[in-house]
């Protein structure tokens, strides 16, 4: 067995954790090159009489197959970062590269799942909601779109609800439809902005476990915004910590060692406490 430290940046050196023998995920990904590169990114909002800086000179890379978590307190700019990567917000300075090409607007290679349950057009059935991005992008004809959408609904366990309308679904089911709609086009990157925050605790845990299972089955690169330390360690392979407003990179951590079965472990609790200390400027243990 080899070992690696959790914190990869800022010179921090917490206790090492065990890692399977061979090259690390990060080493393998780096060899293939970064899928997403955020370089010196500063984001600002203009409001009457002043300019508000959301994030300041942020740098990070996301490699293919990563489940990359953006973690920080409310107001640290993590959702602004996701919007910029999605192409909905222009940088004040710096650049965003996806597969080596500048991001200058929205595109089908980056699809977003938001927190809100009303992101599905209510006049479309579950099936036609999932078909829509394929038809809008002219990726295929209706016959193929229906087949691909039906297959994706089966993967998220909703094939029996293909003819239902969004208002008849629970919050968790609506989020599964939104995930299916995003993944059916096989985007380069799935962007999720606190998608489970409005769910009750039991549904949220089930959705987290389903997302991990789907990542294993389908395989996709994920950029996920959260303010929950537990969720970041549960879902992520890597976690970027952002300081309070304006958001700056506080640290980057390896979270491969954690998953649903490790939540109650001493190592999980110790790392969660360490992250809390980093985010809130407490002394490291």
Protein backbone atom coordinates (compact mmCIF):
# COMPACT_ATOMS: atom_id res chain seq x y z
CA UNK A 1 0.00 0.00 0.00
CA UNK A 2 1.17 3.51 -0.73
CA UNK A 3 0.02 6.65 1.04
CA UNK A 4 -0.70 10.25 0.19
CA UNK A 5 -1.56 13.37 2.13
CA UNK A 6 -5.04 14.82 1.87
CA UNK A 7 -4.11 18.44 1.29
CA UNK A 8 -2.43 18.98 -2.06
CA UNK A 9 -1.93 22.75 -1.94
CA UNK A 10 -0.75 25.55 0.37
CA UNK A 11 1.95 23.40 1.96
CA UNK A 12 -0.36 21.79 4.52
CA UNK A 13 0.57 18.33 5.72
CA UNK A 14 -2.25 16.52 7.59
CA UNK A 15 -2.06 12.84 8.48
CA UNK A 16 -1.65 10.55 5.47
CA UNK A 17 -4.30 8.02 4.44
CA UNK A 18 -3.93 4.67 2.71
CA UNK A 19 -4.22 4.52 -1.10
CA UNK A 20 -4.23 1.49 -3.37
CA UNK A 21 -0.91 0.60 -4.94
CA UNK A 22 0.03 2.07 -8.31
CA UNK A 23 -0.29 5.55 -9.76
CA UNK A 24 -2.81 7.82 -8.05
CA UNK A 25 -5.94 9.05 -9.81
CA UNK A 26 -4.43 12.54 -9.90
CA UNK A 27 -1.20 11.26 -11.47
CA UNK A 28 -3.10 9.28 -14.11
CA UNK A 29 -5.37 12.24 -14.87
CA UNK A 30 -2.49 14.68 -15.05
CA UNK A 31 -0.78 12.44 -17.58
CA UNK A 32 -3.85 12.71 -19.79
CA UNK A 33 -4.09 16.50 -19.35
CA UNK A 34 -6.72 18.59 -17.57
CA UNK A 35 -10.24 18.64 -18.97
CA UNK A 36 -10.96 21.98 -17.27
CA UNK A 37 -8.40 24.62 -16.36
CA UNK A 38 -9.34 27.71 -14.36
CA UNK A 39 -6.45 30.17 -14.43
CA UNK A 40 -6.26 33.36 -12.35
CA UNK A 41 -10.03 33.80 -12.42
CA UNK A 42 -11.61 36.91 -10.92
CA UNK A 43 -15.37 37.42 -11.05
CA UNK A 44 -17.29 40.60 -10.25
CA UNK A 45 -20.90 41.75 -10.10
CA UNK A 46 -21.87 45.32 -10.92
CA UNK A 47 -24.56 46.82 -8.69
CA UNK A 48 -25.79 50.42 -8.37
CA UNK A 49 -22.94 52.50 -7.03
CA UNK A 50 -20.40 49.71 -6.53
CA UNK A 51 -18.72 46.60 -7.87
CA UNK A 52 -18.77 43.41 -5.79
CA UNK A 53 -15.91 40.95 -6.23
CA UNK A 54 -17.19 37.38 -5.94
CA UNK A 55 -13.91 35.45 -6.36
CA UNK A 56 -10.30 36.62 -6.61
CA UNK A 57 -7.60 35.00 -8.76
CA UNK A 58 -8.75 31.41 -8.38
CA UNK A 59 -6.76 28.58 -9.99
CA UNK A 60 -7.63 24.90 -10.24
CA UNK A 61 -7.82 22.00 -12.68
CA UNK A 62 -10.41 19.26 -13.14
CA UNK A 63 -9.35 16.02 -14.82
CA UNK A 64 -11.51 13.53 -16.68
CA UNK A 65 -13.45 11.32 -14.29
CA UNK A 66 -13.02 13.68 -11.32
CA UNK A 67 -15.87 14.38 -8.96
CA UNK A 68 -14.60 17.83 -8.06
CA UNK A 69 -16.26 19.62 -5.13
CA UNK A 70 -16.35 23.39 -4.64
CA UNK A 71 -16.80 23.82 -0.89
CA UNK A 72 -17.21 27.00 1.10
CA UNK A 73 -19.53 29.07 3.24
CA UNK A 74 -22.42 31.03 1.75
CA UNK A 75 -21.21 34.05 -0.22
CA UNK A 76 -17.74 32.67 -1.04
CA UNK A 77 -18.40 32.69 -4.80
CA UNK A 78 -18.66 28.96 -5.45
CA UNK A 79 -21.94 29.29 -7.41
CA UNK A 80 -20.43 32.21 -9.34
CA UNK A 81 -17.53 29.96 -10.33
CA UNK A 82 -19.95 27.34 -11.59
CA UNK A 83 -21.90 29.95 -13.58
CA UNK A 84 -18.69 31.19 -15.19
CA UNK A 85 -17.64 27.65 -16.11
CA UNK A 86 -21.12 27.08 -17.55
CA UNK A 87 -20.60 30.18 -19.69
CA UNK A 88 -23.27 32.32 -18.03
CA UNK A 89 -20.82 34.86 -16.56
CA UNK A 90 -17.80 36.63 -18.04
CA UNK A 91 -14.55 36.82 -16.04
CA UNK A 92 -13.17 40.16 -14.87
CA UNK A 93 -9.72 38.65 -15.36
CA UNK A 94 -8.21 35.24 -15.96
CA UNK A 95 -9.46 32.47 -18.21
CA UNK A 96 -11.39 29.22 -18.31
CA UNK A 97 -10.28 26.48 -20.70
CA UNK A 98 -12.29 23.35 -21.47
CA UNK A 99 -10.31 20.72 -23.36
CA UNK A 100 -7.81 23.47 -24.19
CA UNK A 101 -10.43 25.82 -25.68
CA UNK A 102 -11.60 29.09 -24.06
CA UNK A 103 -15.09 29.06 -22.55
CA UNK A 104 -16.90 32.07 -24.01
CA UNK A 105 -20.53 31.07 -23.51
CA UNK A 106 -22.90 28.20 -22.71
CA UNK A 107 -22.56 24.96 -24.66
CA UNK A 108 -23.84 21.38 -24.76
CA UNK A 109 -20.47 20.18 -23.45
CA UNK A 110 -21.39 21.63 -20.01
CA UNK A 111 -24.87 20.98 -18.64
CA UNK A 112 -26.15 22.27 -15.30
CA UNK A 113 -28.42 20.75 -12.66
CA UNK A 114 -29.67 23.43 -10.26
CA UNK A 115 -31.13 23.23 -6.77
CA UNK A 116 -34.59 24.39 -7.83
CA UNK A 117 -37.25 21.77 -8.52
CA UNK A 118 -38.96 23.92 -11.20
CA UNK A 119 -36.14 23.58 -13.74
CA UNK A 120 -38.22 21.10 -15.78
CA UNK A 121 -40.75 22.58 -18.24
CA UNK A 122 -44.11 21.60 -16.66
CA UNK A 123 -45.88 21.07 -19.99
CA UNK A 124 -43.46 18.29 -21.01
CA UNK A 125 -43.65 14.74 -19.73
CA UNK A 126 -40.67 13.14 -18.02
CA UNK A 127 -39.71 11.44 -21.29
CA UNK A 128 -40.02 14.55 -23.47
CA UNK A 129 -38.06 16.58 -20.88
CA UNK A 130 -35.16 14.13 -21.20
CA UNK A 131 -35.49 14.04 -24.99
CA UNK A 132 -35.46 17.83 -25.29
CA UNK A 133 -31.69 18.58 -25.16
CA UNK A 134 -31.00 15.95 -27.81
CA UNK A 135 -33.56 17.44 -30.16
CA UNK A 136 -32.64 21.06 -29.37
CA UNK A 137 -28.98 20.35 -30.18
CA UNK A 138 -30.04 18.37 -33.27
CA UNK A 139 -27.98 15.45 -32.06
CA UNK A 140 -30.40 12.88 -33.46
CA UNK A 141 -33.92 12.33 -34.77
CA UNK A 142 -36.99 11.73 -32.60
CA UNK A 143 -36.77 7.95 -32.78
CA UNK A 144 -33.19 7.87 -31.52
CA UNK A 145 -33.87 10.61 -28.97
CA UNK A 146 -36.76 8.59 -27.54
CA UNK A 147 -34.62 5.46 -27.33
CA UNK A 148 -31.71 7.25 -25.64
CA UNK A 149 -34.01 9.10 -23.22
CA UNK A 150 -35.82 5.88 -22.31
CA UNK A 151 -32.50 4.14 -21.63
CA UNK A 152 -31.32 7.00 -19.42
CA UNK A 153 -34.58 7.02 -17.46
CA UNK A 154 -34.05 3.33 -16.81
CA UNK A 155 -30.60 4.10 -15.42
CA UNK A 156 -32.04 6.59 -12.91
CA UNK A 157 -34.94 4.26 -12.05
CA UNK A 158 -37.73 6.34 -13.59
CA UNK A 159 -38.74 4.38 -16.68
CA UNK A 160 -42.18 3.73 -15.11
CA UNK A 161 -42.76 7.50 -14.91
CA UNK A 162 -41.94 8.34 -18.54
CA UNK A 163 -45.45 9.67 -19.23
CA UNK A 164 -45.82 11.56 -15.95
CA UNK A 165 -45.64 15.34 -15.66
CA UNK A 166 -43.22 17.13 -13.31
CA UNK A 167 -45.94 18.37 -10.91
CA UNK A 168 -46.78 14.75 -10.05
CA UNK A 169 -43.21 13.91 -8.97
CA UNK A 170 -41.46 14.27 -5.62
CA UNK A 171 -38.49 16.60 -5.25
CA UNK A 172 -36.01 13.72 -5.44
CA UNK A 173 -37.66 12.32 -8.56
CA UNK A 174 -37.54 15.74 -10.25
CA UNK A 175 -33.82 15.93 -9.54
CA UNK A 176 -33.32 12.48 -11.04
CA UNK A 177 -35.12 13.64 -14.18
CA UNK A 178 -32.88 16.73 -14.31
CA UNK A 179 -29.77 14.54 -13.97
CA UNK A 180 -31.03 12.19 -16.71
CA UNK A 181 -31.74 15.15 -18.98
CA UNK A 182 -28.21 16.46 -18.44
CA UNK A 183 -26.44 13.12 -18.92
CA UNK A 184 -28.38 11.94 -21.98
CA UNK A 185 -26.31 14.22 -24.24
CA UNK A 186 -23.05 12.83 -22.81
CA UNK A 187 -21.59 16.24 -21.89
CA UNK A 188 -17.89 16.69 -21.22
CA UNK A 189 -18.79 17.89 -17.74
CA UNK A 190 -21.84 17.78 -15.48
CA UNK A 191 -22.23 20.91 -13.33
CA UNK A 192 -24.37 20.67 -10.19
CA UNK A 193 -25.20 23.65 -7.98
CA UNK A 194 -26.28 22.33 -4.56
CA UNK A 195 -28.81 20.02 -6.25
CA UNK A 196 -29.83 18.18 -3.08
CA UNK A 197 -29.87 21.10 -0.62
CA UNK A 198 -33.67 21.49 -0.63
CA UNK A 199 -34.37 17.78 -0.07
CA UNK A 200 -35.13 16.20 3.28
CA UNK A 201 -32.23 14.39 4.94
CA UNK A 202 -33.28 10.85 3.98
CA UNK A 203 -33.98 11.74 0.35
CA UNK A 204 -30.74 13.71 0.16
CA UNK A 205 -28.69 10.71 1.32
CA UNK A 206 -30.44 8.41 -1.15
CA UNK A 207 -29.78 10.87 -3.98
CA UNK A 208 -26.11 11.14 -2.99
CA UNK A 209 -25.76 7.36 -3.11
CA UNK A 210 -27.60 7.18 -6.44
CA UNK A 211 -25.30 9.84 -7.92
CA UNK A 212 -22.24 7.81 -6.88
CA UNK A 213 -23.74 4.66 -8.39
CA UNK A 214 -24.55 6.52 -11.60
CA UNK A 215 -21.00 7.90 -11.78
CA UNK A 216 -19.65 4.36 -11.55
CA UNK A 217 -22.09 3.02 -14.13
CA UNK A 218 -22.15 5.84 -16.70
CA UNK A 219 -18.83 7.56 -16.03
CA UNK A 220 -18.79 11.37 -16.16
CA UNK A 221 -16.78 14.32 -14.92
CA UNK A 222 -18.56 16.24 -12.18
CA UNK A 223 -18.18 19.76 -10.80
CA UNK A 224 -20.36 20.02 -7.70
CA UNK A 225 -21.07 23.06 -5.51
CA UNK A 226 -21.87 22.45 -1.85
CA UNK A 227 -21.66 24.11 1.55
CA UNK A 228 -21.77 20.75 3.34
CA UNK A 229 -18.43 19.33 4.50
CA UNK A 230 -19.93 15.85 4.84
CA UNK A 231 -21.39 15.95 1.33
CA UNK A 232 -18.09 17.10 -0.17
CA UNK A 233 -16.17 14.21 1.42
CA UNK A 234 -18.92 11.69 0.63
CA UNK A 235 -19.26 12.55 -3.07
CA UNK A 236 -15.92 14.00 -4.06
CA UNK A 237 -12.66 12.62 -5.32
CA UNK A 238 -11.12 16.09 -4.83
CA UNK A 239 -12.32 19.07 -2.79
CA UNK A 240 -11.42 22.73 -3.33
CA UNK A 241 -11.90 24.91 -0.25
CA UNK A 242 -12.80 28.56 -0.84
CA UNK A 243 -12.26 31.27 1.74
CA UNK A 244 -14.98 33.73 2.68
CA UNK A 245 -15.90 36.65 0.43
CA UNK A 246 -14.28 37.29 -1.94
CA UNK A 247 -13.55 33.63 -2.58
CA UNK A 248 -9.91 32.60 -2.76
CA UNK A 249 -8.44 29.10 -2.86
CA UNK A 250 -7.80 28.04 0.72
CA UNK A 251 -6.69 24.47 0.01
CA UNK A 252 -7.25 21.49 -2.25
CA UNK A 253 -7.80 18.05 -0.73
CA UNK A 254 -7.86 14.45 -1.92
CA UNK A 255 -11.11 12.72 -0.87
CA UNK A 256 -10.70 9.35 -2.62
CA UNK A 257 -10.46 7.53 0.70
CA UNK A 258 -14.01 8.43 1.74
CA UNK A 259 -17.48 7.26 0.73
CA UNK A 260 -20.85 6.25 2.20
CA UNK A 261 -19.28 3.52 4.33
CA UNK A 262 -16.75 5.82 5.98
CA UNK A 263 -19.00 8.58 7.35
CA UNK A 264 -18.85 7.39 10.94
CA UNK A 265 -15.16 6.55 10.89
CA UNK A 266 -12.54 8.36 12.93
CA UNK A 267 -10.65 9.32 9.75
CA UNK A 268 -13.77 10.86 8.19
CA UNK A 269 -14.62 12.82 11.32
CA UNK A 270 -11.03 14.01 11.72
CA UNK A 271 -10.89 15.25 8.13
CA UNK A 272 -14.26 16.98 8.48
CA UNK A 273 -12.97 18.75 11.58
CA UNK A 274 -9.79 19.76 9.76
CA UNK A 275 -11.79 21.22 6.86
CA UNK A 276 -13.95 23.16 9.33
CA UNK A 277 -10.77 24.59 10.80
CA UNK A 278 -9.43 25.56 7.37
CA UNK A 279 -12.67 27.22 6.33
CA UNK A 280 -13.09 29.16 9.55
CA UNK A 281 -9.41 29.94 10.27
CA UNK A 282 -9.20 27.78 13.33
CA UNK A 283 -5.86 26.37 14.46
CA UNK A 284 -5.00 23.03 12.88
CA UNK A 285 -4.85 20.10 15.22
